[in-house]
Amino acid sequence: MKRMTGILIRIFVLLALLATSALALAQDEAASDETEIPFMGIRYWGVPDGLLVTGVIGNTPAEAANLRAGDVVTAVDGEAIRVETVREVVWKHAPGTTVTINIDRDGRALQQDLTLMAQPESVYNNPEYPIPLDLAAVGLFVAQCDDKLLIIGALSDSEVAVAGFQVYDQIIAIDGDQVHNIAEADIAVSDLSQGDELSFLIARGDRELTISVITEDHRRRRRQPRRPHPRVESSYVADSIGLGYGDGFIEVQAIDPAHDLYSAGIRRYDLITGANGAPIKEGRDFFTGEDIELTIQRTGDTLQLDLPAEFAPLLMYGQDSPLEQDRSQWLDLHEKQVTLGVRYLQLEPDSPYFEGSDVSHGAFVAEVIAGLPAEKAGMQVGDIILAVAGEPVTLEIDLRNRIYFHKPGDTVTLDVLRAGEILQVDVVLRVAR
C-alpha cells in the first residue's frame, strides 16, 4: 500500500513498528547545509548503550571495518553515541576521516578504525550499496507489544502470506535465534539472501509451531526523475506508472503511453497539485461524482485536466480499485475495512488522562462521529478505550489496528474507562465509507 504522507492512516504508521529498524546511515534525516555528509553505512536501532547494528550496507565503511549485525556501537573517537546524538557525534567529522569505533560484540569490547565516506546521492536506488534484508523486506509485518513480537500482516501473493501465519501469532525465534523486538528480528534475517530457507518458531495460544518459508526480497526501488523535483515522501510503482507523493503534490515519475491516464492527458513529471479547485492534500474530500478536475503544474505552466473519478484511488492512494476494497495485504482477513466511528488520541503511558486510575494504556475519544457504530453504542467524548475484544489498545497496537482485524457485522466488546469506572460497551462494526 502506498499513501500520501498527509493522509497516512495509523495502520501504516505501524510499518515503523512493524517493519524496520531505521535505515541508519550514521546520521539523522535532518537537512544539512554541507555538500558532503559523513556516512558509515549501518542500519541501526537505539539501545541504552548505543546503536544496535541491525544491518551493514555493502561496499561502505562499516563493511570494510567488519561491523556485523548485532554489534552495538558505543562510541566514536571516544565520544559516547546514542540515537539522539548521532548527528553531533558523527557529522562533525569530514568524509575521509578515520575514526575509532567502540563496539560491544556479544559482551566483548572491541575497537575498530573506520574511514568515513561521503553519503551517496542515493542509497536506496544504488545497486553498488546493497542493503541487507529486514523482516518487512521478507514480506512479514509485525508489531512490538512489550517484549513480544506479534505478526499483524503479510504481503499478498508472497511466500509468507501462504505459509500458515495468523494475525497475532507471536514470533519466539527466527532460524533458532530468540527474538523479542523488531531489531532482533531484523538482525536474524539480515544475512539471508533470496532463496534461503527461513524458519520461524511461533506461539499461538497455548501451543508452539514451526513455520518455514523460502526467503524472498520484496523491496522495490523507487524510480528517480532526471530533473530537480520537490521532496517526495513516498512512492507507488507499478509496471506502467510511477507516482511520488510529497507535501501538497503528486508527481508522475513514470507513465507508459499504454496507460489509461496517458490517454487522459497525464504526462511524466506532471505535478498534480489540486482536485476540483481544492489543494490535493484535501482531494479525498472532492473526488466524488463521475469526473474530477485536476490542477497540474507542467514545465512552468498550470493546466486543468478533466478525467473520470475512477482514477482517484490510483492517484491518491496508489490503488487500482475503490477505497472501500481492502488492498492492504493483511493476510486475507476480510474483504472490506470496518470502522468504529471515533476520532481519537492514542495515549502515552504517563498521560494525565490516566491520573487517579490503575490504567496506563488506551485511546482517548476526541470525537464520536454521527451515524457510525460508536455513536449507536453510546460512546462519549472523553471515553478512554482500553481494549477491543479483550486485546489491549497500546501505542504498539493502537485502536485502529485492533478494530481493523474484525469483519463487517462483528460485535466487539470495548473496555472503556469513563469517569473513573471501567465499562464494557458492545459495538457492531460496519464497513467504512
Protein backbone atom coordinates (compact mmCIF):
# COMPACT_ATOMS: atom_id res chain seq x y z
CA MET A 1 0.00 0.00 0.00
CA LYS A 2 1.17 3.45 -0.73
CA ARG A 3 -0.32 6.59 0.71
CA MET A 4 0.19 10.35 0.56
CA THR A 5 2.11 11.41 3.62
CA GLY A 6 -0.60 13.80 4.72
CA ILE A 7 -3.22 11.08 4.80
CA LEU A 8 -1.31 8.13 6.13
CA ILE A 9 -3.61 6.19 8.38
CA ARG A 10 -2.25 4.79 11.58
CA ILE A 11 -2.09 1.27 10.24
CA PHE A 12 0.77 2.44 8.03
CA VAL A 13 2.49 4.33 10.73
CA LEU A 14 2.70 0.85 12.19
CA LEU A 15 5.13 -0.06 9.46
CA ALA A 16 7.64 1.87 11.51
CA LEU A 17 6.81 -0.56 14.30
CA LEU A 18 6.02 -3.48 12.12
CA ALA A 19 8.68 -3.33 9.76
CA THR A 20 12.03 -1.95 10.05
CA SER A 21 14.70 -0.51 12.20
CA ALA A 22 15.80 2.82 10.84
CA LEU A 23 17.95 2.79 7.79
CA ALA A 24 20.73 4.46 9.61
CA LEU A 25 23.41 5.98 7.58
CA ALA A 26 25.09 7.10 10.78
CA GLN A 27 23.22 10.40 10.69
CA ASP A 28 19.66 11.57 11.13
CA GLU A 29 17.26 12.68 8.40
CA ALA A 30 17.56 16.40 9.06
CA ALA A 31 18.68 18.59 6.19
CA SER A 32 22.29 19.68 6.10
CA ASP A 33 23.96 22.67 4.57
CA GLU A 34 27.08 20.62 3.98
CA THR A 35 27.76 19.46 0.46
CA GLU A 36 29.07 16.12 1.74
CA ILE A 37 27.65 14.21 4.67
CA PRO A 38 29.79 11.66 6.52
CA PHE A 39 28.48 8.14 6.09
CA MET A 40 29.22 4.90 7.94
CA GLY A 41 26.75 2.57 6.24
CA ILE A 42 24.77 0.89 9.01
CA ARG A 43 21.11 0.32 9.72
CA TYR A 44 20.56 0.63 13.46
CA TRP A 45 18.17 0.52 16.40
CA GLY A 46 18.55 2.64 19.52
CA VAL A 47 19.51 0.82 22.71
CA PRO A 48 20.55 2.27 26.10
CA ASP A 49 24.25 1.65 25.45
CA GLY A 50 24.43 2.97 21.90
CA LEU A 51 23.41 1.91 18.39
CA LEU A 52 22.44 -1.72 17.82
CA VAL A 53 23.52 -2.55 14.27
CA THR A 54 20.65 -4.36 12.53
CA GLY A 55 22.33 -4.48 9.14
CA VAL A 56 25.52 -3.43 7.36
CA ILE A 57 25.19 -1.89 3.90
CA GLY A 58 27.51 -3.39 1.29
CA ASN A 59 30.55 -1.53 -0.04
CA THR A 60 30.53 1.01 2.78
CA PRO A 61 32.97 1.87 5.56
CA ALA A 62 31.01 -0.26 8.01
CA GLU A 63 31.54 -3.34 5.86
CA ALA A 64 35.23 -2.52 5.38
CA ALA A 65 35.58 -2.17 9.16
CA ASN A 66 33.97 -5.61 9.64
CA LEU A 67 30.98 -4.33 11.59
CA ARG A 68 28.31 -7.00 11.95
CA ALA A 69 24.60 -7.14 12.57
CA GLY A 70 24.20 -7.47 16.33
CA ASP A 71 27.15 -5.23 17.20
CA VAL A 72 26.43 -2.29 19.50
CA VAL A 73 28.36 0.86 18.57
CA THR A 74 29.00 2.59 21.90
CA ALA A 75 31.40 5.40 20.97
CA VAL A 76 33.04 7.22 18.06
CA ASP A 77 36.54 8.60 18.72
CA GLY A 78 35.97 8.17 22.45
CA GLU A 79 32.65 10.06 22.45
CA ALA A 80 29.61 8.09 23.59
CA ILE A 81 26.90 7.80 20.94
CA ARG A 82 23.13 7.39 21.22
CA VAL A 83 20.32 7.69 18.70
CA GLU A 84 19.67 11.29 19.68
CA THR A 85 23.36 12.27 19.39
CA VAL A 86 24.30 10.64 16.07
CA ARG A 87 24.32 13.95 14.26
CA GLU A 88 26.55 15.67 16.82
CA VAL A 89 28.96 12.77 17.21
CA VAL A 90 29.37 11.77 13.55
CA TRP A 91 28.61 14.81 11.42
CA LYS A 92 31.47 16.89 12.81
CA HIS A 93 33.88 14.55 11.01
CA ALA A 94 34.55 15.17 7.34
CA PRO A 95 34.28 12.33 4.80
CA GLY A 96 37.66 10.69 4.52
CA THR A 97 38.34 11.00 8.25
CA THR A 98 39.36 7.81 10.03
CA VAL A 99 37.61 7.43 13.39
CA THR A 100 37.84 4.77 16.05
CA ILE A 101 34.62 2.89 16.72
CA ASN A 102 34.00 1.26 20.09
CA ILE A 103 31.90 -1.90 19.73
CA ASP A 104 30.22 -4.30 22.12
CA ARG A 105 30.08 -7.67 20.35
CA ASP A 106 28.45 -10.45 22.36
CA GLY A 107 29.76 -8.94 25.58
CA ARG A 108 33.28 -8.31 24.27
CA ALA A 109 34.60 -4.76 24.00
CA LEU A 110 36.30 -4.11 20.66
CA GLN A 111 37.80 -1.15 18.84
CA GLN A 112 37.91 -0.76 15.09
CA ASP A 113 39.12 2.02 12.80
CA LEU A 114 36.58 3.20 10.24
CA THR A 115 37.16 5.69 7.44
CA LEU A 116 34.04 7.72 6.77
CA MET A 117 32.87 8.20 3.20
CA ALA A 118 30.57 10.82 1.71
CA GLN A 119 26.95 9.78 1.70
CA PRO A 120 25.99 8.57 -1.80
CA GLU A 121 23.37 10.62 -3.58
CA SER A 122 21.05 7.65 -3.37
CA VAL A 123 21.47 4.57 -1.25
CA TYR A 124 18.04 3.02 -1.80
CA ASN A 125 18.37 3.15 -5.55
CA ASN A 126 22.05 2.40 -5.87
CA PRO A 127 22.92 -1.24 -6.59
CA GLU A 128 26.50 -0.51 -5.55
CA TYR A 129 25.32 -0.37 -1.94
CA PRO A 130 23.17 -3.44 -1.26
CA ILE A 131 21.00 -3.02 1.81
CA PRO A 132 20.57 -6.17 3.92
CA LEU A 133 17.16 -7.71 4.37
CA ASP A 134 14.86 -6.83 7.22
CA LEU A 135 11.61 -8.50 8.21
CA ALA A 136 9.45 -6.18 6.12
CA ALA A 137 11.59 -6.85 3.05
CA VAL A 138 10.87 -10.56 3.54
CA GLY A 139 7.16 -9.67 3.41
CA LEU A 140 6.15 -10.16 7.04
CA PHE A 141 4.72 -7.25 9.02
CA VAL A 142 4.99 -7.24 12.81
CA ALA A 143 4.22 -5.09 15.80
CA GLN A 144 6.08 -4.95 19.07
CA CYS A 145 4.00 -5.20 22.23
CA ASP A 146 6.12 -5.05 25.38
CA ASP A 147 8.72 -7.78 24.84
CA LYS A 148 6.60 -9.71 22.38
CA LEU A 149 6.82 -9.59 18.61
CA LEU A 150 3.39 -10.12 17.06
CA ILE A 151 2.52 -10.80 13.42
CA ILE A 152 -0.08 -8.42 12.04
CA GLY A 153 0.18 -8.95 8.31
CA ALA A 154 1.99 -10.24 5.26
CA LEU A 155 2.41 -9.17 1.66
CA SER A 156 -0.20 -10.75 -0.55
CA ASP A 157 0.99 -13.25 -3.17
CA SER A 158 4.17 -13.88 -1.15
CA GLU A 159 5.64 -17.00 0.42
CA VAL A 160 4.92 -15.74 3.93
CA ALA A 161 1.28 -14.92 3.10
CA VAL A 162 0.50 -18.57 2.36
CA ALA A 163 2.88 -20.20 4.82
CA GLY A 164 0.30 -20.54 7.59
CA PHE A 165 0.85 -17.47 9.77
CA GLN A 166 -2.10 -15.99 11.62
CA VAL A 167 -2.66 -12.49 12.95
CA TYR A 168 -1.23 -12.05 16.47
CA ASP A 169 0.99 -15.10 16.25
CA GLN A 170 3.96 -14.40 18.48
CA ILE A 171 7.40 -14.89 16.94
CA ILE A 172 9.60 -16.62 19.50
CA ALA A 173 12.64 -17.36 17.34
CA ILE A 174 13.90 -16.93 13.78
CA ASP A 175 16.32 -19.54 12.48
CA GLY A 176 16.95 -20.61 16.07
CA ASP A 177 17.71 -17.10 17.39
CA GLN A 178 15.27 -15.86 20.02
CA VAL A 179 13.69 -12.51 19.19
CA HIS A 180 11.85 -10.09 21.44
CA ASN A 181 11.70 -6.97 19.30
CA ILE A 182 11.86 -5.71 15.74
CA ALA A 183 15.59 -5.04 15.88
CA GLU A 184 16.39 -8.63 16.85
CA ALA A 185 14.14 -9.90 14.07
CA ASP A 186 15.87 -7.70 11.51
CA ILE A 187 19.26 -8.97 12.70
CA ALA A 188 18.08 -12.57 12.36
CA VAL A 189 17.27 -12.15 8.65
CA SER A 190 19.95 -9.59 7.70
CA ASP A 191 22.45 -12.15 6.39
CA LEU A 192 19.92 -14.08 4.30
CA SER A 193 19.61 -13.99 0.53
CA GLN A 194 16.90 -14.74 -1.98
CA GLY A 195 16.12 -18.47 -1.93
CA ASP A 196 17.44 -19.21 1.57
CA GLU A 197 15.22 -21.24 3.89
CA LEU A 198 13.84 -19.25 6.80
CA SER A 199 12.32 -20.87 9.90
CA PHE A 200 10.01 -19.23 12.46
CA LEU A 201 9.14 -20.62 15.89
CA ILE A 202 5.63 -19.34 16.62
CA ALA A 203 3.49 -19.25 19.78
CA ARG A 204 -0.22 -19.47 19.01
CA GLY A 205 -2.40 -19.65 22.07
CA ASP A 206 -1.02 -22.35 24.33
CA ARG A 207 0.98 -24.17 21.66
CA GLU A 208 4.14 -23.69 19.65
CA LEU A 209 4.70 -24.48 16.00
CA THR A 210 7.38 -24.04 13.36
CA ILE A 211 6.71 -22.38 10.01
CA SER A 212 9.34 -22.48 7.27
CA VAL A 213 9.43 -20.33 4.15
CA ILE A 214 11.79 -19.59 1.29
CA THR A 215 13.26 -16.10 1.57
CA GLU A 216 12.03 -13.57 -0.95
CA ASP A 217 13.15 -9.95 -1.24
CA HIS A 218 10.06 -7.82 -1.84
CA ARG A 219 11.67 -4.41 -1.85
CA ARG A 220 11.04 -2.15 -4.80
CA ARG A 221 13.39 0.54 -5.98
CA ARG A 222 11.98 3.97 -6.47
CA ARG A 223 12.06 5.40 -9.94
CA GLN A 224 14.25 8.50 -9.96
CA PRO A 225 13.26 11.53 -12.03
CA ARG A 226 16.02 13.04 -14.11
CA ARG A 227 15.24 16.62 -13.22
CA PRO A 228 15.05 18.67 -10.00
CA HIS A 229 11.80 17.94 -8.17
CA PRO A 230 10.12 18.65 -4.82
CA ARG A 231 10.78 16.30 -1.95
CA VAL A 232 8.86 13.05 -2.39
CA GLU A 233 7.75 11.36 0.84
CA SER A 234 6.56 8.01 -0.51
CA SER A 235 6.04 6.29 -3.84
CA TYR A 236 3.76 3.93 -5.71
CA VAL A 237 5.34 1.99 -8.56
CA ALA A 238 3.56 -0.32 -10.98
CA ASP A 239 4.69 -1.71 -14.31
CA SER A 240 3.11 1.16 -16.21
CA ILE A 241 3.05 4.12 -13.83
CA GLY A 242 5.19 5.54 -11.04
CA LEU A 243 3.77 8.11 -8.61
CA GLY A 244 5.64 10.10 -5.96
CA TYR A 245 3.77 11.65 -3.04
CA GLY A 246 5.05 14.85 -1.44
CA ASP A 247 3.76 17.70 0.71
CA GLY A 248 0.89 19.05 -1.35
CA PHE A 249 1.59 17.35 -4.66
CA ILE A 250 1.64 14.06 -6.55
CA GLU A 251 4.46 13.68 -9.05
CA VAL A 252 4.12 11.44 -12.10
CA GLN A 253 7.58 9.90 -12.10
CA ALA A 254 6.91 7.46 -14.94
CA ILE A 255 3.98 6.59 -17.19
CA ASP A 256 3.62 4.16 -20.05
CA PRO A 257 1.89 5.54 -23.19
CA ALA A 258 -0.40 2.49 -23.00
CA HIS A 259 -1.74 3.56 -19.60
CA ASP A 260 -5.26 5.00 -19.49
CA LEU A 261 -4.04 8.07 -17.63
CA TYR A 262 -1.67 8.83 -20.50
CA SER A 263 -4.64 8.74 -22.86
CA ALA A 264 -6.43 11.08 -20.45
CA GLY A 265 -3.61 13.61 -20.79
CA ILE A 266 -1.27 12.87 -17.88
CA ARG A 267 2.43 13.08 -18.70
CA ARG A 268 5.68 12.18 -16.99
CA TYR A 269 6.91 14.81 -14.50
CA ASP A 270 3.45 16.34 -14.14
CA LEU A 271 2.89 17.70 -10.63
CA ILE A 272 -0.75 17.25 -9.58
CA THR A 273 -1.43 19.97 -7.02
CA GLY A 274 -5.21 20.25 -6.84
CA ALA A 275 -8.52 18.48 -7.37
CA ASN A 276 -11.80 20.23 -8.13
CA GLY A 277 -10.33 23.57 -7.05
CA ALA A 278 -9.04 22.31 -3.71
CA PRO A 279 -5.45 21.54 -2.69
CA ILE A 280 -4.52 17.95 -3.43
CA LYS A 281 -3.98 17.23 0.26
CA GLU A 282 -7.73 17.81 0.65
CA GLY A 283 -8.53 15.99 -2.58
CA ARG A 284 -10.05 12.92 -0.97
CA ASP A 285 -12.98 15.11 0.07
CA PHE A 286 -13.57 16.25 -3.50
CA PHE A 287 -13.09 13.09 -5.54
CA THR A 288 -16.79 12.50 -5.90
CA GLY A 289 -19.16 12.25 -8.83
CA GLU A 290 -18.27 10.96 -12.26
CA ASP A 291 -15.41 13.33 -13.13
CA ILE A 292 -12.66 15.23 -11.38
CA GLU A 293 -10.76 18.32 -12.49
CA LEU A 294 -7.07 18.16 -11.69
CA THR A 295 -4.75 21.14 -11.38
CA ILE A 296 -1.39 20.26 -12.91
CA GLN A 297 1.96 22.04 -12.98
CA ARG A 298 3.82 21.17 -16.18
CA THR A 299 7.11 22.85 -17.17
CA GLY A 300 6.10 26.10 -15.52
CA ASP A 301 2.53 26.14 -16.80
CA THR A 302 -0.66 25.49 -14.83
CA LEU A 303 -3.16 23.20 -16.57
CA GLN A 304 -6.65 21.95 -15.80
CA LEU A 305 -7.40 18.39 -16.80
CA ASP A 306 -10.69 16.52 -16.53
CA LEU A 307 -10.67 12.76 -16.10
CA PRO A 308 -13.00 10.08 -14.76
CA ALA A 309 -13.26 9.90 -10.96
CA GLU A 310 -12.45 6.18 -11.14
CA PHE A 311 -8.78 7.19 -11.28
CA ALA A 312 -8.93 8.92 -7.90
CA PRO A 313 -7.90 5.88 -5.82
CA LEU A 314 -4.89 5.26 -8.03
CA LEU A 315 -3.73 8.87 -7.91
CA MET A 316 -4.40 9.46 -4.23
CA TYR A 317 -3.53 6.10 -2.76
CA GLY A 318 -1.76 4.00 -5.36
CA GLN A 319 -4.77 1.69 -5.55
CA ASP A 320 -6.43 0.28 -8.63
CA SER A 321 -9.87 -0.18 -7.08
CA PRO A 322 -12.25 1.85 -4.88
CA LEU A 323 -11.06 2.63 -1.38
CA GLU A 324 -13.59 0.50 0.44
CA GLN A 325 -11.99 -2.57 -1.07
CA ASP A 326 -9.28 -3.98 1.13
CA ARG A 327 -5.99 -3.69 -0.77
CA SER A 328 -3.94 -3.72 2.40
CA GLN A 329 -2.32 -7.14 2.05
CA TRP A 330 -3.19 -8.18 5.61
CA LEU A 331 -3.36 -11.96 5.43
CA ASP A 332 -6.74 -12.02 3.66
CA LEU A 333 -8.58 -11.16 6.87
CA HIS A 334 -11.61 -9.58 5.26
CA GLU A 335 -12.67 -8.00 2.00
CA LYS A 336 -13.66 -4.61 3.34
CA GLN A 337 -12.29 -2.35 6.03
CA VAL A 338 -14.51 -1.71 9.04
CA THR A 339 -14.88 1.41 11.14
CA LEU A 340 -15.67 2.22 14.74
CA GLY A 341 -16.57 5.84 14.10
CA VAL A 342 -14.42 7.86 16.50
CA ARG A 343 -11.51 10.22 16.24
CA TYR A 344 -9.05 9.50 18.98
CA LEU A 345 -5.74 10.29 20.59
CA GLN A 346 -3.51 7.33 21.40
CA LEU A 347 -2.24 7.99 24.91
CA GLU A 348 1.27 7.71 26.29
CA PRO A 349 1.61 5.57 29.47
CA ASP A 350 2.23 8.68 31.61
CA SER A 351 -0.71 10.63 30.17
CA PRO A 352 -2.54 12.87 32.66
CA TYR A 353 -5.78 11.27 31.42
CA PHE A 354 -4.78 8.21 33.46
CA GLU A 355 -4.38 10.09 36.75
CA GLY A 356 -6.32 8.52 39.57
CA SER A 357 -6.61 5.16 37.82
CA ASP A 358 -4.56 1.99 37.55
CA VAL A 359 -4.61 2.24 33.75
CA SER A 360 -1.57 3.08 31.60
CA HIS A 361 -2.73 2.41 28.03
CA GLY A 362 -5.68 3.35 25.86
CA ALA A 363 -7.16 5.70 23.25
CA PHE A 364 -8.86 8.94 24.28
CA VAL A 365 -12.05 9.54 22.27
CA ALA A 366 -11.88 13.11 20.96
CA GLU A 367 -14.96 12.90 18.71
CA VAL A 368 -17.84 10.50 18.21
CA ILE A 369 -18.91 10.66 14.57
CA ALA A 370 -22.66 10.84 13.99
CA GLY A 371 -24.34 7.83 12.44
CA LEU A 372 -21.45 5.42 12.93
CA PRO A 373 -21.20 2.39 15.26
CA ALA A 374 -19.64 4.18 18.25
CA GLU A 375 -22.48 6.69 18.47
CA LYS A 376 -25.10 3.95 18.20
CA ALA A 377 -23.38 2.07 21.02
CA GLY A 378 -23.43 5.13 23.31
CA MET A 379 -19.74 6.05 23.22
CA GLN A 380 -18.94 9.52 24.56
CA VAL A 381 -16.25 12.13 24.05
CA GLY A 382 -13.75 11.67 26.87
CA ASP A 383 -14.09 7.90 26.99
CA ILE A 384 -10.78 6.04 27.03
CA ILE A 385 -10.90 2.77 25.10
CA LEU A 386 -8.64 0.32 26.90
CA ALA A 387 -9.23 -2.89 24.93
CA VAL A 388 -11.06 -4.31 21.92
CA ALA A 389 -12.42 -7.85 22.32
CA GLY A 390 -10.11 -8.32 25.28
CA GLU A 391 -6.99 -7.19 23.38
CA PRO A 392 -5.29 -4.14 24.93
CA VAL A 393 -5.09 -0.87 22.98
CA THR A 394 -1.47 0.29 23.21
CA LEU A 395 0.96 2.55 21.41
CA GLU A 396 2.36 -0.51 19.64
CA ILE A 397 -1.02 -1.88 18.53
CA ASP A 398 -3.40 1.04 18.67
CA LEU A 399 -7.18 1.37 18.41
CA ARG A 400 -7.30 1.45 14.62
CA ASN A 401 -5.28 -1.72 14.35
CA ARG A 402 -7.38 -3.56 16.92
CA ILE A 403 -10.55 -2.65 15.01
CA TYR A 404 -9.03 -3.31 11.61
CA PHE A 405 -8.79 -7.06 12.03
CA HIS A 406 -12.53 -7.55 12.51
CA LYS A 407 -15.16 -8.10 9.84
CA PRO A 408 -18.25 -6.07 8.96
CA GLY A 409 -21.10 -7.12 11.24
CA ASP A 410 -18.82 -8.32 14.04
CA THR A 411 -19.93 -7.34 17.54
CA VAL A 412 -16.89 -6.39 19.60
CA THR A 413 -16.77 -5.55 23.28
CA LEU A 414 -14.82 -2.43 24.20
CA ASP A 415 -13.35 -1.96 27.66
CA VAL A 416 -13.89 1.73 28.34
CA LEU A 417 -12.67 3.99 31.15
CA ARG A 418 -15.36 6.60 31.82
CA ALA A 419 -15.30 8.93 34.82
CA GLY A 420 -13.00 6.60 36.72
CA GLU A 421 -15.09 3.49 36.08
CA ILE A 422 -14.31 0.70 33.63
CA LEU A 423 -17.32 -0.23 31.50
CA GLN A 424 -17.90 -2.72 28.73
CA VAL A 425 -19.60 -1.45 25.58
CA ASP A 426 -20.74 -3.70 22.73
CA VAL A 427 -20.32 -2.20 19.24
CA VAL A 428 -21.48 -3.66 15.92
CA LEU A 429 -18.85 -2.78 13.30
CA ARG A 430 -19.65 -1.82 9.74
CA VAL A 431 -17.79 -1.02 6.54
CA ALA A 432 -16.03 2.32 6.38
CA ARG A 433 -17.46 4.52 3.66
